[in-house]
Amino acid sequence: MNTRKVKNIVINVAIISGVLIFSPHTASALSVSPPRVELQGNPGQTITQDMTLTNDTKSTEIFYSSFANFEAQGETGNPAFVQSKDDLDTWMTTEKSVALKAGQSIIVPVKINIPDSADPGGHFAAVFWGTAPTTVGSSAVSIGAKVGMLILLSVAGDVKEAGGLLSFSTANNQFWYNTLPVSFEYRFKNDGGDRIKPIGQITIHDMVYLPADRLDANIGEGNVLPSSTRRFNVDWIKNPRSKDYVAPTGMFAKFFDQALYEWKNFAVGPYLAKLDLIYGTGAIHTGKSVFIFVFPWQLLICLTIIFIIVFWGGRKLIRRYNNHIIQKARAGMNTPNDANHV
């Protein structure tokens, strides 16, 4: 995407970012699906993509369409929406407005007319639907609740591929953990002309280098847009707390609650986390490793106490049992033989 062609007008992110998420888009009035599509096309080609609109209100509503390009904003993967003069947002057409009854769903086609002069590589835009119409000639999308579908289009041609893995570490470079979760993060840079979607896994090896767990390195299938760097976060956890979890207040209750949590997420000792990624049309491999140490001290204290009790109690029971056997044996030896009384 040629940023020189983009107007320096950012669409009201405060409005859109609250509703534009990578799940079926739902606002108070409208649901849109799919939330994201990845398409490929040639210069001069026309592509049609269907999207489903559902009125979630209890009355008839009119929804209005609008378009906007988007580009990377920081390293979080959140898009920054802009309007262009002659990029993907200007290549798309759809219904200007639709009236939907309460609970009604319809399929609306979106046509993408790729110009013959389109630059090869990635072009990224969104189709929005909202309750306020777009003002003709306005340089910004009208204010109102909006939901939309992200479109990631790759135009065929000679596209430069460049980039790679910049770093892999734990959050804040933490080494010592009392328990899971362990939060990993890696940063990937894209210097090419199209989006890159790194895929792979993080393998957790224990102290004898046996695989203890495997984590999807890109579970959300996030893309790295051209001329940007994106940070990916991956958490290693086995049994997270429930959303309605309320921590106990007492000192001993807190201690044993934490020990139980450490038991459900048992991990102890040194671990090696190894990131392996594949990216690009050439399936390029890359990776890095990081060491961590997990020491669940509350759980270990509880297990030590239990071991002492079992060991001490077991020895006492064995001693009592042996004394009982010895006493029975002595009693048998002291019993007069019946033959002596014949």
Protein backbone atom coordinates (compact mmCIF):
# COMPACT_ATOMS: atom_id res chain seq x y z
CA MET A 1 0.00 0.00 0.00
CA ASN A 2 1.49 3.30 -1.14
CA THR A 3 1.24 5.56 1.88
CA ARG A 4 1.90 8.64 -0.27
CA LYS A 5 -1.52 8.07 -1.78
CA VAL A 6 -3.20 8.01 1.60
CA LYS A 7 -4.79 11.10 3.07
CA ASN A 8 -3.55 11.93 6.48
CA ILE A 9 -6.99 11.52 7.97
CA VAL A 10 -7.42 8.82 10.61
CA ILE A 11 -10.97 7.61 11.10
CA ASN A 12 -12.34 7.93 14.58
CA VAL A 13 -10.58 4.94 16.15
CA ALA A 14 -12.27 5.47 19.49
CA ILE A 15 -15.56 4.59 17.81
CA ILE A 16 -14.39 1.77 15.59
CA SER A 17 -11.83 0.00 17.76
CA GLY A 18 -14.49 -0.81 20.31
CA VAL A 19 -16.49 -2.80 17.78
CA LEU A 20 -13.93 -3.94 15.22
CA ILE A 21 -12.51 -7.11 16.73
CA PHE A 22 -11.45 -10.40 15.23
CA SER A 23 -14.64 -12.26 16.07
CA PRO A 24 -18.10 -11.99 14.54
CA HIS A 25 -18.58 -8.22 14.73
CA THR A 26 -21.43 -7.25 17.00
CA ALA A 27 -22.62 -3.80 17.94
CA SER A 28 -25.83 -2.91 19.77
CA ALA A 29 -27.71 -2.88 16.45
CA LEU A 30 -25.91 -5.08 13.92
CA SER A 31 -23.86 -8.24 13.51
CA VAL A 32 -21.51 -8.69 10.54
CA SER A 33 -19.83 -11.90 9.40
CA PRO A 34 -17.29 -12.99 8.42
CA PRO A 35 -15.13 -10.60 10.43
CA ARG A 36 -12.12 -10.97 8.14
CA VAL A 37 -11.38 -12.34 4.68
CA GLU A 38 -8.10 -12.89 2.87
CA LEU A 39 -8.36 -12.68 -0.91
CA GLN A 40 -6.08 -12.92 -3.93
CA GLY A 41 -6.56 -11.37 -7.35
CA ASN A 42 -4.92 -10.17 -10.54
CA PRO A 43 -4.80 -6.63 -11.95
CA GLY A 44 -7.97 -6.01 -13.94
CA GLN A 45 -9.93 -8.76 -12.13
CA THR A 46 -13.27 -8.30 -10.34
CA ILE A 47 -13.80 -10.24 -7.11
CA THR A 48 -17.09 -10.68 -5.27
CA GLN A 49 -17.19 -11.36 -1.53
CA ASP A 50 -20.45 -11.95 0.35
CA MET A 51 -21.04 -10.69 3.88
CA THR A 52 -23.98 -11.39 6.19
CA LEU A 53 -25.75 -8.59 8.06
CA THR A 54 -28.09 -9.31 10.98
CA ASN A 55 -30.30 -6.76 12.72
CA ASP A 56 -30.02 -7.46 16.46
CA THR A 57 -32.56 -4.85 17.51
CA LYS A 58 -36.31 -5.25 18.05
CA SER A 59 -37.28 -2.75 15.37
CA THR A 60 -36.61 -2.04 11.70
CA GLU A 61 -33.29 -0.27 11.17
CA ILE A 62 -31.49 1.28 8.21
CA PHE A 63 -27.77 0.69 7.94
CA TYR A 64 -25.34 2.60 5.72
CA SER A 65 -22.12 1.37 4.15
CA SER A 66 -18.71 3.03 4.03
CA PHE A 67 -15.14 2.00 3.23
CA ALA A 68 -11.71 2.74 4.65
CA ASN A 69 -8.16 1.53 4.20
CA PHE A 70 -6.23 0.38 7.25
CA GLU A 71 -2.58 0.10 8.16
CA ALA A 72 -0.59 -1.12 11.15
CA GLN A 73 -0.80 0.90 14.32
CA GLY A 74 2.09 0.18 16.66
CA GLU A 75 3.01 -3.43 17.41
CA THR A 76 -0.30 -4.62 18.84
CA GLY A 77 -1.92 -5.64 15.57
CA ASN A 78 -4.69 -3.07 15.96
CA PRO A 79 -5.50 -1.32 12.67
CA ALA A 80 -5.43 2.42 12.06
CA PHE A 81 -8.12 3.40 9.56
CA VAL A 82 -7.44 5.97 6.84
CA GLN A 83 -8.99 7.06 3.57
CA SER A 84 -7.09 6.89 0.29
CA LYS A 85 -7.44 8.44 -3.17
CA ASP A 86 -6.96 5.31 -5.27
CA ASP A 87 -6.38 2.22 -3.14
CA LEU A 88 -8.54 -0.72 -2.04
CA ASP A 89 -11.19 1.36 -0.28
CA THR A 90 -11.91 3.09 -3.61
CA TRP A 91 -12.02 -0.19 -5.56
CA MET A 92 -14.97 -1.59 -3.60
CA THR A 93 -18.70 -1.18 -4.12
CA THR A 94 -21.76 -2.51 -2.30
CA GLU A 95 -25.27 -1.45 -1.37
CA LYS A 96 -25.33 2.13 -0.11
CA SER A 97 -27.93 1.26 2.53
CA VAL A 98 -30.09 -1.66 3.63
CA ALA A 99 -33.28 -1.75 5.70
CA LEU A 100 -33.55 -4.74 8.01
CA LYS A 101 -36.50 -5.84 10.08
CA ALA A 102 -36.00 -6.96 13.66
CA GLY A 103 -33.90 -10.12 13.70
CA GLN A 104 -33.61 -10.21 9.90
CA SER A 105 -30.42 -11.39 8.15
CA ILE A 106 -29.40 -10.73 4.57
CA ILE A 107 -26.39 -11.48 2.40
CA VAL A 108 -24.82 -8.41 0.81
CA PRO A 109 -22.21 -8.80 -1.97
CA VAL A 110 -19.13 -6.62 -2.02
CA LYS A 111 -17.45 -6.18 -5.39
CA ILE A 112 -13.75 -5.41 -5.71
CA ASN A 113 -12.70 -4.04 -9.08
CA ILE A 114 -8.91 -4.33 -9.15
CA PRO A 115 -7.51 -1.75 -11.61
CA ASP A 116 -5.06 -2.78 -14.31
CA SER A 117 -2.54 -0.41 -12.75
CA ALA A 118 -2.84 -1.87 -9.22
CA ASP A 119 0.50 -2.28 -7.45
CA PRO A 120 1.40 -5.92 -6.73
CA GLY A 121 1.33 -6.86 -3.09
CA GLY A 122 -0.93 -6.24 -0.13
CA HIS A 123 -3.91 -3.89 -0.02
CA PHE A 124 -6.00 -3.66 3.13
CA ALA A 125 -9.39 -2.11 3.78
CA ALA A 126 -12.65 -2.53 5.69
CA VAL A 127 -16.31 -2.43 4.74
CA PHE A 128 -18.28 -0.71 7.49
CA TRP A 129 -21.97 -0.62 8.27
CA GLY A 130 -23.43 1.93 10.63
CA THR A 131 -26.59 3.73 11.65
CA ALA A 132 -25.42 7.12 10.30
CA PRO A 133 -25.02 7.83 6.57
CA THR A 134 -21.70 8.92 5.11
CA THR A 135 -21.71 12.58 4.12
CA VAL A 136 -20.96 13.03 0.44
CA GLY A 137 -17.58 14.66 -0.02
CA SER A 138 -16.67 14.25 3.63
CA SER A 139 -13.09 13.34 4.48
CA ALA A 140 -14.07 11.12 7.40
CA VAL A 141 -16.57 8.41 8.14
CA SER A 142 -19.70 9.69 9.86
CA ILE A 143 -19.84 9.37 13.61
CA GLY A 144 -21.98 6.49 14.81
CA ALA A 145 -21.78 2.88 15.95
CA LYS A 146 -20.05 0.90 13.19
CA VAL A 147 -19.10 -2.70 12.60
CA GLY A 148 -17.24 -4.07 9.64
CA MET A 149 -15.39 -6.74 7.74
CA LEU A 150 -11.64 -6.54 7.20
CA ILE A 151 -10.46 -7.35 3.69
CA LEU A 152 -6.84 -8.34 3.11
CA LEU A 153 -6.21 -8.45 -0.63
CA SER A 154 -3.06 -9.73 -2.33
CA VAL A 155 -2.60 -8.51 -5.89
CA ALA A 156 -0.50 -10.88 -7.96
CA GLY A 157 2.82 -9.76 -9.37
CA ASP A 158 6.45 -9.35 -8.47
CA VAL A 159 6.21 -8.80 -4.72
CA LYS A 160 9.22 -8.33 -2.47
CA GLU A 161 9.38 -10.65 0.54
CA ALA A 162 11.59 -9.57 3.40
CA GLY A 163 11.52 -9.61 7.17
CA GLY A 164 12.00 -12.04 9.99
CA LEU A 165 11.96 -12.77 13.69
CA LEU A 166 13.41 -9.93 15.77
CA SER A 167 13.18 -11.32 19.30
CA PHE A 168 11.68 -14.00 21.53
CA SER A 169 11.45 -13.69 25.31
CA THR A 170 9.17 -13.85 28.29
CA ALA A 171 7.15 -10.76 29.19
CA ASN A 172 9.48 -8.26 30.89
CA ASN A 173 12.30 -10.84 30.44
CA GLN A 174 11.15 -12.63 33.59
CA PHE A 175 13.09 -15.79 34.46
CA TRP A 176 11.71 -16.96 37.82
CA TYR A 177 8.07 -18.01 38.22
CA ASN A 178 6.15 -19.33 41.21
CA THR A 179 3.55 -20.91 38.94
CA LEU A 180 1.96 -20.72 35.53
CA PRO A 181 1.03 -18.80 33.45
CA VAL A 182 4.26 -17.94 31.75
CA SER A 183 3.74 -15.22 29.17
CA PHE A 184 5.92 -15.41 26.07
CA GLU A 185 6.18 -12.74 23.41
CA TYR A 186 7.96 -12.50 20.08
CA ARG A 187 8.35 -9.63 17.62
CA PHE A 188 8.21 -10.16 13.88
CA LYS A 189 9.20 -7.55 11.28
CA ASN A 190 7.86 -7.31 7.73
CA ASP A 191 9.92 -5.31 5.24
CA GLY A 192 8.16 -6.78 2.20
CA GLY A 193 5.28 -5.66 0.02
CA ASP A 194 2.56 -7.98 1.29
CA ARG A 195 1.28 -9.31 4.61
CA ILE A 196 3.13 -12.13 6.36
CA LYS A 197 1.39 -14.67 8.57
CA PRO A 198 3.96 -16.55 10.68
CA ILE A 199 2.83 -20.01 11.77
CA GLY A 200 4.46 -22.46 14.13
CA GLN A 201 4.66 -23.45 17.76
CA ILE A 202 6.45 -22.97 21.05
CA THR A 203 7.70 -26.27 22.47
CA ILE A 204 8.32 -26.41 26.22
CA HIS A 205 11.10 -28.85 27.18
CA ASP A 206 11.61 -30.03 30.77
CA MET A 207 14.91 -30.57 32.59
CA VAL A 208 15.66 -33.80 30.68
CA TYR A 209 14.67 -32.14 27.37
CA LEU A 210 11.42 -34.06 27.02
CA PRO A 211 8.51 -32.09 25.52
CA ALA A 212 6.29 -30.93 28.38
CA ASP A 213 3.86 -28.88 26.30
CA ARG A 214 3.30 -27.37 22.86
CA LEU A 215 1.69 -23.98 22.22
CA ASP A 216 0.32 -22.49 19.01
CA ALA A 217 2.55 -19.52 18.22
CA ASN A 218 -0.17 -17.67 16.26
CA ILE A 219 -3.53 -18.97 17.47
CA GLY A 220 -5.34 -15.87 16.20
CA GLU A 221 -3.79 -16.23 12.70
CA GLY A 222 -2.59 -12.64 12.89
CA ASN A 223 -0.82 -10.99 9.95
CA VAL A 224 2.16 -8.67 9.94
CA LEU A 225 1.42 -5.83 7.51
CA PRO A 226 4.11 -4.40 5.22
CA SER A 227 6.60 -1.94 6.70
CA SER A 228 5.61 -2.81 10.25
CA THR A 229 6.59 -4.87 13.27
CA ARG A 230 4.05 -6.88 15.26
CA ARG A 231 4.29 -8.33 18.74
CA PHE A 232 2.66 -11.72 19.37
CA ASN A 233 1.79 -12.92 22.87
CA VAL A 234 1.46 -16.58 23.87
CA ASP A 235 0.57 -17.80 27.38
CA TRP A 236 1.59 -21.17 28.80
CA ILE A 237 -1.13 -22.23 31.23
CA LYS A 238 -2.98 -25.49 31.81
CA ASN A 239 -5.99 -24.57 33.97
CA PRO A 240 -6.69 -20.83 34.16
CA ARG A 241 -8.91 -19.43 36.89
CA SER A 242 -12.56 -18.95 36.02
CA LYS A 243 -13.75 -15.50 35.02
CA ASP A 244 -15.89 -15.22 38.16
CA TYR A 245 -13.04 -16.29 40.48
CA VAL A 246 -12.95 -14.46 43.82
CA ALA A 247 -9.76 -14.75 45.86
CA PRO A 248 -10.20 -15.83 49.51
CA THR A 249 -9.44 -13.27 52.20
CA GLY A 250 -7.87 -15.29 55.01
CA MET A 251 -4.14 -15.85 55.15
CA PHE A 252 -4.34 -19.66 55.33
CA ALA A 253 -7.18 -19.76 52.80
CA LYS A 254 -5.08 -17.72 50.38
CA PHE A 255 -2.10 -20.03 50.93
CA PHE A 256 -3.97 -23.27 50.30
CA ASP A 257 -5.95 -21.76 47.42
CA GLN A 258 -2.68 -20.82 45.74
CA ALA A 259 -1.23 -24.26 46.45
CA LEU A 260 -4.26 -25.88 44.80
CA TYR A 261 -3.87 -23.57 41.80
CA GLU A 262 -0.19 -24.56 41.53
CA TRP A 263 -1.22 -28.23 41.65
CA LYS A 264 -3.68 -27.74 38.76
CA ASN A 265 -0.92 -25.98 36.80
CA PHE A 266 1.91 -28.17 38.00
CA ALA A 267 5.33 -27.23 36.71
CA VAL A 268 8.63 -27.30 38.56
CA GLY A 269 12.27 -26.85 37.64
CA PRO A 270 14.08 -25.40 34.64
CA TYR A 271 12.40 -25.33 31.24
CA LEU A 272 13.56 -24.48 27.75
CA ALA A 273 10.98 -22.78 25.53
CA LYS A 274 11.79 -23.12 21.84
CA LEU A 275 9.98 -21.03 19.22
CA ASP A 276 9.80 -22.45 15.68
CA LEU A 277 8.16 -20.40 12.90
CA ILE A 278 7.52 -20.79 9.19
CA TYR A 279 6.65 -17.80 7.00
CA GLY A 280 6.55 -16.57 3.41
CA THR A 281 5.85 -18.31 0.12
CA GLY A 282 9.20 -20.04 0.40
CA ALA A 283 8.31 -21.57 3.80
CA ILE A 284 11.29 -19.97 5.54
CA HIS A 285 12.12 -21.43 8.95
CA THR A 286 13.26 -19.34 11.89
CA GLY A 287 13.33 -19.66 15.66
CA LYS A 288 14.80 -18.73 19.02
CA SER A 289 14.90 -20.17 22.56
CA VAL A 290 14.56 -18.90 26.11
CA PHE A 291 15.10 -20.48 29.57
CA ILE A 292 12.70 -20.17 32.53
CA PHE A 293 12.53 -21.63 36.03
CA VAL A 294 9.29 -22.52 37.85
CA PHE A 295 9.28 -23.07 41.63
CA PRO A 296 5.77 -23.52 43.14
CA TRP A 297 6.83 -23.01 46.76
CA GLN A 298 3.34 -23.06 48.32
CA LEU A 299 2.60 -26.42 46.72
CA LEU A 300 6.00 -27.80 47.64
CA ILE A 301 5.50 -26.81 51.29
CA CYS A 302 2.14 -28.62 51.32
CA LEU A 303 3.62 -31.70 49.67
CA THR A 304 6.52 -31.69 52.14
CA ILE A 305 4.11 -31.54 55.10
CA ILE A 306 2.02 -34.35 53.62
CA PHE A 307 5.15 -36.44 53.04
CA ILE A 308 6.32 -35.94 56.63
CA ILE A 309 2.92 -36.87 58.01
CA VAL A 310 2.66 -39.95 55.81
CA PHE A 311 6.26 -40.99 56.50
CA TRP A 312 6.03 -40.44 60.26
CA GLY A 313 2.55 -41.95 60.48
CA GLY A 314 3.54 -44.87 58.29
CA ARG A 315 6.57 -45.66 60.41
CA LYS A 316 4.43 -45.52 63.54
CA LEU A 317 1.83 -47.85 62.05
CA ILE A 318 4.50 -50.29 60.89
CA ARG A 319 6.10 -50.25 64.34
CA ARG A 320 2.74 -50.88 66.00
CA TYR A 321 1.98 -53.70 63.57
CA ASN A 322 5.38 -55.33 64.19
CA ASN A 323 4.85 -55.12 67.95
CA HIS A 324 1.47 -56.75 67.53
CA ILE A 325 2.96 -59.63 65.53
CA ILE A 326 5.73 -60.09 68.07
CA GLN A 327 3.26 -60.16 70.95
CA LYS A 328 1.13 -62.75 69.17
CA ALA A 329 4.19 -64.85 68.50
CA ARG A 330 5.25 -64.69 72.14
CA ALA A 331 1.76 -65.55 73.27
CA GLY A 332 1.83 -68.62 71.02
CA MET A 333 5.15 -69.72 72.47
CA ASN A 334 3.89 -69.42 76.04
CA THR A 335 0.72 -71.51 75.38
CA PRO A 336 1.04 -75.05 77.06
CA ASN A 337 1.25 -77.97 74.62
CA ASP A 338 -1.88 -80.11 74.74
CA ALA A 339 0.23 -83.28 74.68
CA ASN A 340 1.54 -82.51 78.16
CA HIS A 341 -1.94 -82.84 79.60
CA VAL A 342 -2.70 -86.42 78.26
